[in-house]
Structure formats: C-alpha cells, structure tokens
C-alpha cells in the first residue's frame, strides 16, 4: 500500500549520506574492482586527476603510483593543498580552488567533489603532508 505523500515524506540528507545512498551520481556503480568501470577506479581517478593537474601546470615534477597488496599510493610532488585548508578540502563538499582561472588555468576536475567522494565509504584515505622544502615523514 502506498503511504500518503506529505511534508513528513521530505528528507534532507547530509552530503556523505547522500553519496552512500546514491553513489551512482558520483562514482557510477560501486562494484568490487572486477570491471574497469567499477567505482573504486573512478575514485582512484579523482586522486590521479589532482596529480595530473599539478604536473600539467608545471608544479609537480613527477607522479608516483604504487600498488601493493590492495593499497594504492599516489604522490605528485606538486604544491599540495595549503595546510590551513586541508580539512575543508577533504571534508566539505564543493570546496576547492578550481572555480575560477586564477590558480588553475587548466584542470581535469572543477566541481569541488573529487576526493570527498571517497570519504563516505569504508575505505581508508590517508594524506601525508609536508611544508615546502621539508620532506614528509
């Protein structure tokens, strides 16, 4: 039986819950890594796109991608995220520096979603940050 449609039927989801319930809007199908269009590869591409943006603009001198026992590591040696904004950039939807052309003349990603699409899932996302000229540990 269909329930009555009323004000009580309307919901507002927090962005992480929205991604969990409707991943197809962000990453396509979840999948398990068996197929090339599984969501895990779309999420990896989000991280790679950021590295490519840095490299193409001349800020990253190389991009390293390593895969070891199901763990993927991407390092781009680029400018990185300014330390004071790291939390916002990885946890607040639609937050980024690519909304105008002042900092990024060309960019693969433009929507401020990117790595945030990884956050609602049960995968681990780890950032290693360092200040310019000081190696990360």
N, C-alpha and C. Protein backbone atom coordinates (compact mmCIF):
# COMPACT_ATOMS: atom_id res chain seq x y z
N UNK A 1 0.83 -1.18 0.00
CA UNK A 1 0.00 0.00 0.00
C UNK A 1 0.87 1.25 0.00
N UNK A 2 0.53 2.23 -0.80
CA UNK A 2 1.27 3.48 -0.89
C UNK A 2 0.87 4.39 0.26
N UNK A 3 1.88 4.95 0.92
CA UNK A 3 1.62 5.87 2.03
C UNK A 3 1.26 7.25 1.49
N UNK A 4 0.68 8.05 2.35
CA UNK A 4 0.38 9.43 1.98
C UNK A 4 1.66 10.22 1.79
N UNK A 5 1.66 11.03 0.77
CA UNK A 5 2.80 11.91 0.50
C UNK A 5 2.52 13.23 1.20
N UNK A 6 3.39 13.60 2.15
CA UNK A 6 3.18 14.82 2.93
C UNK A 6 4.53 15.46 3.24
N UNK A 7 4.50 16.52 4.04
CA UNK A 7 5.74 17.18 4.46
C UNK A 7 6.69 16.20 5.14
N UNK A 8 6.13 15.24 5.85
CA UNK A 8 6.96 14.26 6.56
C UNK A 8 7.71 13.33 5.62
N UNK A 9 7.31 13.30 4.36
CA UNK A 9 7.98 12.45 3.37
C UNK A 9 9.29 13.07 2.88
N UNK A 10 9.46 14.36 3.05
CA UNK A 10 10.62 15.09 2.53
C UNK A 10 11.79 14.93 3.49
N UNK A 11 12.94 14.56 2.94
CA UNK A 11 14.14 14.38 3.74
C UNK A 11 15.27 15.26 3.21
N UNK A 12 16.15 15.65 4.08
CA UNK A 12 17.39 16.30 3.68
C UNK A 12 18.53 15.44 4.21
N UNK A 13 19.37 14.99 3.29
CA UNK A 13 20.50 14.15 3.67
C UNK A 13 21.77 14.98 3.76
N UNK A 14 22.60 14.66 4.70
CA UNK A 14 23.93 15.25 4.73
C UNK A 14 24.68 14.69 3.52
N UNK A 15 25.67 15.41 3.01
CA UNK A 15 26.31 15.04 1.75
C UNK A 15 26.92 13.65 1.78
N UNK A 16 27.50 13.25 2.92
CA UNK A 16 28.11 11.92 2.99
C UNK A 16 27.05 10.83 2.88
N UNK A 17 25.93 11.03 3.55
CA UNK A 17 24.85 10.06 3.48
C UNK A 17 24.27 10.00 2.07
N UNK A 18 24.22 11.15 1.40
CA UNK A 18 23.72 11.18 0.02
C UNK A 18 24.62 10.34 -0.89
N UNK A 19 25.93 10.48 -0.74
CA UNK A 19 26.86 9.68 -1.55
C UNK A 19 26.70 8.20 -1.23
N UNK A 20 26.56 7.86 0.05
CA UNK A 20 26.38 6.45 0.43
C UNK A 20 25.12 5.84 -0.21
N UNK A 21 24.03 6.61 -0.18
CA UNK A 21 22.76 6.08 -0.69
C UNK A 21 22.65 6.14 -2.20
N UNK A 22 23.32 7.10 -2.81
CA UNK A 22 23.22 7.30 -4.26
C UNK A 22 24.61 7.41 -4.90
N UNK A 23 25.47 6.41 -4.72
CA UNK A 23 26.83 6.51 -5.24
C UNK A 23 26.89 6.68 -6.75
N UNK A 24 25.88 6.19 -7.44
CA UNK A 24 25.87 6.29 -8.90
C UNK A 24 25.96 7.71 -9.41
N UNK A 25 25.46 8.66 -8.64
CA UNK A 25 25.53 10.06 -9.05
C UNK A 25 26.96 10.58 -9.03
N UNK A 26 27.81 9.95 -8.25
CA UNK A 26 29.17 10.45 -8.05
C UNK A 26 30.23 9.55 -8.69
N UNK A 27 30.06 8.25 -8.55
CA UNK A 27 31.12 7.34 -9.00
C UNK A 27 30.63 6.21 -9.89
N UNK A 28 29.38 6.24 -10.29
CA UNK A 28 28.85 5.11 -11.06
C UNK A 28 28.56 3.95 -10.13
N UNK A 29 28.66 2.74 -10.64
CA UNK A 29 28.36 1.58 -9.79
C UNK A 29 29.52 1.31 -8.83
N UNK A 30 29.20 0.82 -7.66
CA UNK A 30 30.24 0.50 -6.69
C UNK A 30 31.15 -0.60 -7.20
N UNK A 31 30.61 -1.76 -7.44
CA UNK A 31 31.42 -2.87 -7.92
C UNK A 31 32.43 -3.34 -6.89
N UNK A 32 33.26 -4.28 -7.31
CA UNK A 32 34.27 -4.84 -6.41
C UNK A 32 35.67 -4.78 -7.01
N UNK A 33 35.82 -4.02 -8.09
CA UNK A 33 37.12 -3.92 -8.74
C UNK A 33 37.30 -4.89 -9.88
N UNK A 34 36.30 -5.71 -10.14
CA UNK A 34 36.39 -6.70 -11.22
C UNK A 34 36.35 -6.05 -12.60
N UNK A 35 35.57 -4.99 -12.72
CA UNK A 35 35.37 -4.35 -14.02
C UNK A 35 35.98 -2.95 -14.04
N UNK A 36 36.39 -2.52 -15.22
CA UNK A 36 37.09 -1.24 -15.35
C UNK A 36 36.22 -0.04 -15.01
N UNK A 37 34.90 -0.20 -15.02
CA UNK A 37 34.04 0.93 -14.69
C UNK A 37 33.51 0.86 -13.25
N UNK A 38 34.08 -0.01 -12.43
CA UNK A 38 33.70 -0.07 -11.02
C UNK A 38 34.10 1.23 -10.32
N UNK A 39 33.31 1.62 -9.35
CA UNK A 39 33.50 2.89 -8.66
C UNK A 39 34.87 3.09 -8.04
N UNK A 40 35.50 2.02 -7.60
CA UNK A 40 36.82 2.16 -6.98
C UNK A 40 37.82 2.80 -7.94
N UNK A 41 37.67 2.51 -9.23
CA UNK A 41 38.58 3.10 -10.23
C UNK A 41 38.23 4.56 -10.50
N UNK A 42 36.95 4.88 -10.42
CA UNK A 42 36.54 6.29 -10.57
C UNK A 42 37.12 7.10 -9.41
N UNK A 43 37.08 6.55 -8.21
CA UNK A 43 37.64 7.25 -7.05
C UNK A 43 39.16 7.40 -7.18
N UNK A 44 39.83 6.37 -7.65
CA UNK A 44 41.28 6.47 -7.87
C UNK A 44 41.57 7.54 -8.92
N UNK A 45 40.74 7.60 -9.94
CA UNK A 45 40.92 8.62 -10.98
C UNK A 45 40.79 10.03 -10.40
N UNK A 46 39.91 10.22 -9.43
CA UNK A 46 39.79 11.54 -8.79
C UNK A 46 41.13 11.97 -8.19
N UNK A 47 41.79 11.06 -7.51
CA UNK A 47 43.09 11.36 -6.91
C UNK A 47 44.13 11.60 -8.00
N UNK A 48 44.13 10.75 -9.01
CA UNK A 48 45.07 10.90 -10.12
C UNK A 48 44.87 12.22 -10.86
N UNK A 49 43.61 12.62 -11.06
CA UNK A 49 43.34 13.89 -11.75
C UNK A 49 43.99 15.06 -11.04
N UNK A 50 43.96 15.06 -9.71
CA UNK A 50 44.61 16.15 -8.97
C UNK A 50 46.11 16.15 -9.22
N UNK A 51 46.72 14.98 -9.24
CA UNK A 51 48.16 14.88 -9.51
C UNK A 51 48.47 15.34 -10.93
N UNK A 52 47.63 14.96 -11.88
CA UNK A 52 47.83 15.36 -13.28
C UNK A 52 47.70 16.86 -13.44
N UNK A 53 46.72 17.47 -12.76
CA UNK A 53 46.58 18.93 -12.81
C UNK A 53 47.87 19.62 -12.38
N UNK A 54 48.43 19.17 -11.27
CA UNK A 54 49.68 19.77 -10.78
C UNK A 54 50.81 19.59 -11.78
N UNK A 55 50.94 18.40 -12.31
CA UNK A 55 52.01 18.08 -13.25
C UNK A 55 51.87 18.91 -14.53
N UNK A 56 50.68 18.97 -15.08
CA UNK A 56 50.45 19.68 -16.35
C UNK A 56 50.70 21.18 -16.22
N UNK A 57 50.52 21.70 -15.02
CA UNK A 57 50.77 23.13 -14.81
C UNK A 57 52.22 23.40 -14.43
N UNK A 58 53.04 22.35 -14.38
CA UNK A 58 54.46 22.53 -14.12
C UNK A 58 54.85 22.54 -12.66
N UNK A 59 53.93 22.21 -11.76
CA UNK A 59 54.24 22.25 -10.33
C UNK A 59 54.71 20.90 -9.80
N UNK A 60 54.29 19.84 -10.40
CA UNK A 60 54.74 18.51 -10.00
C UNK A 60 55.77 18.03 -10.99
N UNK A 61 56.91 17.60 -10.52
CA UNK A 61 57.98 17.16 -11.42
C UNK A 61 57.82 15.71 -11.82
N UNK A 62 57.09 14.94 -11.03
CA UNK A 62 56.82 13.55 -11.38
C UNK A 62 55.60 13.09 -10.58
N UNK A 63 55.00 12.00 -11.04
CA UNK A 63 53.88 11.37 -10.35
C UNK A 63 54.27 9.93 -10.09
N UNK A 64 54.16 9.51 -8.85
CA UNK A 64 54.45 8.12 -8.49
C UNK A 64 53.15 7.43 -8.12
N UNK A 65 52.92 6.27 -8.71
CA UNK A 65 51.76 5.45 -8.35
C UNK A 65 52.30 4.06 -8.01
N UNK A 66 52.02 3.61 -6.81
CA UNK A 66 52.43 2.27 -6.42
C UNK A 66 51.21 1.50 -5.94
N UNK A 67 51.20 0.22 -6.24
CA UNK A 67 50.12 -0.67 -5.80
C UNK A 67 50.78 -1.83 -5.09
N UNK A 68 50.39 -2.05 -3.85
CA UNK A 68 50.99 -3.12 -3.07
C UNK A 68 49.91 -3.73 -2.16
N UNK A 69 49.58 -4.98 -2.39
CA UNK A 69 48.61 -5.71 -1.57
C UNK A 69 47.30 -4.94 -1.38
N UNK A 70 46.76 -4.44 -2.47
CA UNK A 70 45.47 -3.77 -2.43
C UNK A 70 45.52 -2.32 -1.97
N UNK A 71 46.70 -1.80 -1.73
CA UNK A 71 46.86 -0.40 -1.32
C UNK A 71 47.45 0.37 -2.49
N UNK A 72 46.79 1.47 -2.85
CA UNK A 72 47.28 2.32 -3.93
C UNK A 72 47.81 3.60 -3.32
N UNK A 73 49.00 3.99 -3.72
CA UNK A 73 49.63 5.21 -3.22
C UNK A 73 49.90 6.11 -4.42
N UNK A 74 49.48 7.37 -4.31
CA UNK A 74 49.72 8.36 -5.37
C UNK A 74 50.46 9.52 -4.74
N UNK A 75 51.58 9.88 -5.34
CA UNK A 75 52.35 11.04 -4.87
C UNK A 75 52.70 11.88 -6.08
N UNK A 76 52.43 13.19 -5.98
CA UNK A 76 52.64 14.03 -7.16
C UNK A 76 53.73 15.07 -7.03
N UNK A 77 54.30 15.28 -5.88
CA UNK A 77 55.36 16.26 -5.69
C UNK A 77 54.94 17.65 -6.16
N UNK A 78 53.65 17.93 -6.12
CA UNK A 78 53.14 19.23 -6.53
C UNK A 78 53.06 20.18 -5.35
N UNK A 79 52.28 21.24 -5.52
CA UNK A 79 52.15 22.25 -4.48
C UNK A 79 51.40 21.73 -3.27
N UNK A 80 50.54 20.77 -3.48
CA UNK A 80 49.75 20.24 -2.37
C UNK A 80 48.63 21.19 -2.00
N UNK A 81 47.87 20.80 -1.03
CA UNK A 81 46.78 21.62 -0.52
C UNK A 81 47.37 22.50 0.57
N UNK A 82 47.11 23.81 0.55
CA UNK A 82 47.60 24.66 1.64
C UNK A 82 47.17 24.07 3.00
N UNK A 83 48.12 23.94 3.91
CA UNK A 83 47.88 23.22 5.16
C UNK A 83 46.67 23.72 5.94
N UNK A 84 46.43 25.01 5.93
CA UNK A 84 45.30 25.57 6.67
C UNK A 84 43.94 25.21 6.11
N UNK A 85 43.90 24.64 4.91
CA UNK A 85 42.63 24.31 4.26
C UNK A 85 42.45 22.82 4.00
N UNK A 86 43.38 21.99 4.43
CA UNK A 86 43.30 20.56 4.14
C UNK A 86 41.99 19.96 4.64
N UNK A 87 41.62 20.23 5.88
CA UNK A 87 40.39 19.66 6.43
C UNK A 87 39.18 20.06 5.62
N UNK A 88 39.09 21.33 5.25
CA UNK A 88 37.95 21.79 4.43
C UNK A 88 37.94 21.11 3.07
N UNK A 89 39.08 21.03 2.44
CA UNK A 89 39.16 20.48 1.08
C UNK A 89 38.77 19.01 1.05
N UNK A 90 39.09 18.26 2.08
CA UNK A 90 38.76 16.83 2.06
C UNK A 90 37.45 16.50 2.75
N UNK A 91 36.80 17.49 3.39
CA UNK A 91 35.59 17.14 4.14
C UNK A 91 34.38 18.03 3.88
N UNK A 92 34.52 19.10 3.15
CA UNK A 92 33.38 19.98 2.87
C UNK A 92 33.08 19.96 1.38
N UNK A 93 31.90 19.47 1.05
CA UNK A 93 31.50 19.35 -0.35
C UNK A 93 31.56 20.70 -1.05
N UNK A 94 31.92 20.67 -2.32
CA UNK A 94 32.01 21.85 -3.18
C UNK A 94 33.03 22.86 -2.68
N UNK A 95 34.11 22.37 -2.10
CA UNK A 95 35.21 23.22 -1.64
C UNK A 95 36.42 22.91 -2.51
N UNK A 96 36.99 23.93 -3.11
CA UNK A 96 38.17 23.74 -3.95
C UNK A 96 38.67 25.06 -4.48
N UNK A 97 39.76 25.01 -5.23
CA UNK A 97 40.39 26.22 -5.78
C UNK A 97 40.21 26.33 -7.28
N UNK A 98 39.30 25.55 -7.85
CA UNK A 98 39.19 25.49 -9.31
C UNK A 98 37.92 26.15 -9.84
N UNK A 99 37.33 27.04 -9.08
CA UNK A 99 36.09 27.68 -9.52
C UNK A 99 36.32 28.88 -10.43
N UNK A 100 37.53 29.38 -10.45
CA UNK A 100 37.89 30.43 -11.40
C UNK A 100 39.24 30.05 -11.99
N UNK A 101 39.78 30.88 -12.84
CA UNK A 101 41.04 30.51 -13.50
C UNK A 101 42.25 31.21 -12.90
N UNK A 102 42.13 31.72 -11.69
CA UNK A 102 43.24 32.44 -11.09
C UNK A 102 44.40 31.53 -10.69
N UNK A 103 44.10 30.37 -10.15
CA UNK A 103 45.14 29.47 -9.66
C UNK A 103 45.37 28.29 -10.60
N UNK A 104 44.30 27.76 -11.17
CA UNK A 104 44.38 26.62 -12.08
C UNK A 104 43.92 27.06 -13.46
N UNK A 105 44.85 27.23 -14.38
CA UNK A 105 44.49 27.64 -15.75
C UNK A 105 43.78 26.52 -16.49
N UNK A 106 44.20 25.30 -16.26
CA UNK A 106 43.56 24.12 -16.85
C UNK A 106 43.39 23.10 -15.74
N UNK A 107 42.30 22.38 -15.79
CA UNK A 107 42.06 21.43 -14.73
C UNK A 107 41.14 20.32 -15.21
N UNK A 108 41.38 19.11 -14.72
CA UNK A 108 40.50 17.99 -15.03
C UNK A 108 39.23 18.10 -14.21
N UNK A 109 39.35 18.33 -12.92
CA UNK A 109 38.19 18.43 -12.04
C UNK A 109 37.84 19.87 -11.74
N UNK A 110 36.55 20.15 -11.66
CA UNK A 110 36.13 21.54 -11.46
C UNK A 110 35.04 21.72 -10.41
N UNK A 111 34.54 20.66 -9.82
CA UNK A 111 33.32 20.77 -9.03
C UNK A 111 33.49 20.79 -7.52
N UNK A 112 34.69 20.61 -7.02
CA UNK A 112 34.87 20.60 -5.57
C UNK A 112 34.34 19.34 -4.91
N UNK A 113 34.24 18.26 -5.68
CA UNK A 113 33.79 16.99 -5.12
C UNK A 113 35.01 16.10 -4.94
N UNK A 114 35.64 15.70 -6.02
CA UNK A 114 36.91 14.97 -6.01
C UNK A 114 37.09 13.96 -4.91
N UNK A 115 38.13 14.16 -4.10
CA UNK A 115 38.47 13.18 -3.07
C UNK A 115 37.38 13.06 -2.01
N UNK A 116 36.52 14.04 -1.89
CA UNK A 116 35.45 13.94 -0.91
C UNK A 116 34.51 12.78 -1.21
N UNK A 117 34.45 12.37 -2.46
CA UNK A 117 33.60 11.23 -2.82
C UNK A 117 34.12 9.94 -2.18
N UNK A 118 35.38 9.91 -1.77
CA UNK A 118 35.93 8.74 -1.09
C UNK A 118 35.50 8.66 0.36
N UNK A 119 35.26 9.79 0.98
CA UNK A 119 35.06 9.86 2.42
C UNK A 119 33.88 9.04 2.96
N UNK A 120 32.74 8.98 2.30
CA UNK A 120 31.61 8.24 2.88
C UNK A 120 31.78 6.72 2.88
N UNK A 121 32.71 6.22 2.11
CA UNK A 121 32.87 4.78 2.02
C UNK A 121 33.82 4.29 3.10
N UNK A 122 33.87 3.01 3.27
CA UNK A 122 34.67 2.42 4.34
C UNK A 122 36.12 2.20 3.94
N UNK A 123 36.57 2.90 2.93
CA UNK A 123 37.96 2.79 2.50
C UNK A 123 38.79 3.79 3.27
N UNK A 124 40.05 3.52 3.41
CA UNK A 124 40.94 4.43 4.11
C UNK A 124 41.56 5.39 3.11
N UNK A 125 41.50 6.65 3.44
CA UNK A 125 42.16 7.69 2.65
C UNK A 125 43.12 8.39 3.59
N UNK A 126 44.38 8.34 3.28
CA UNK A 126 45.39 8.92 4.15
C UNK A 126 46.16 9.97 3.37
N UNK A 127 46.34 11.12 3.99
CA UNK A 127 47.12 12.18 3.38
C UNK A 127 48.41 12.33 4.16
N UNK A 128 49.50 12.49 3.46
CA UNK A 128 50.77 12.81 4.10
C UNK A 128 51.16 14.18 3.60
N UNK A 129 51.26 15.10 4.51
CA UNK A 129 51.52 16.49 4.15
C UNK A 129 52.89 16.91 4.60
N UNK A 130 53.46 17.85 3.87
CA UNK A 130 54.73 18.43 4.28
C UNK A 130 54.75 19.87 3.85
N UNK A 131 55.49 20.66 4.59
CA UNK A 131 55.66 22.05 4.20
C UNK A 131 56.73 22.12 3.14
N UNK A 132 56.65 23.15 2.30
CA UNK A 132 57.59 23.30 1.20
C UNK A 132 59.03 23.20 1.70
N UNK A 133 59.79 22.34 1.04
CA UNK A 133 61.19 22.19 1.39
C UNK A 133 61.46 21.25 2.55
N UNK A 134 60.40 20.76 3.18
CA UNK A 134 60.57 19.84 4.30
C UNK A 134 59.91 18.52 3.93
N UNK A 135 60.64 17.44 3.92
CA UNK A 135 60.07 16.16 3.49
C UNK A 135 59.00 15.66 4.45
N UNK A 136 58.02 14.94 3.88
CA UNK A 136 57.01 14.32 4.73
C UNK A 136 57.62 13.06 5.33
N UNK A 137 57.12 12.67 6.51
CA UNK A 137 57.70 11.54 7.21
C UNK A 137 57.08 10.28 6.99
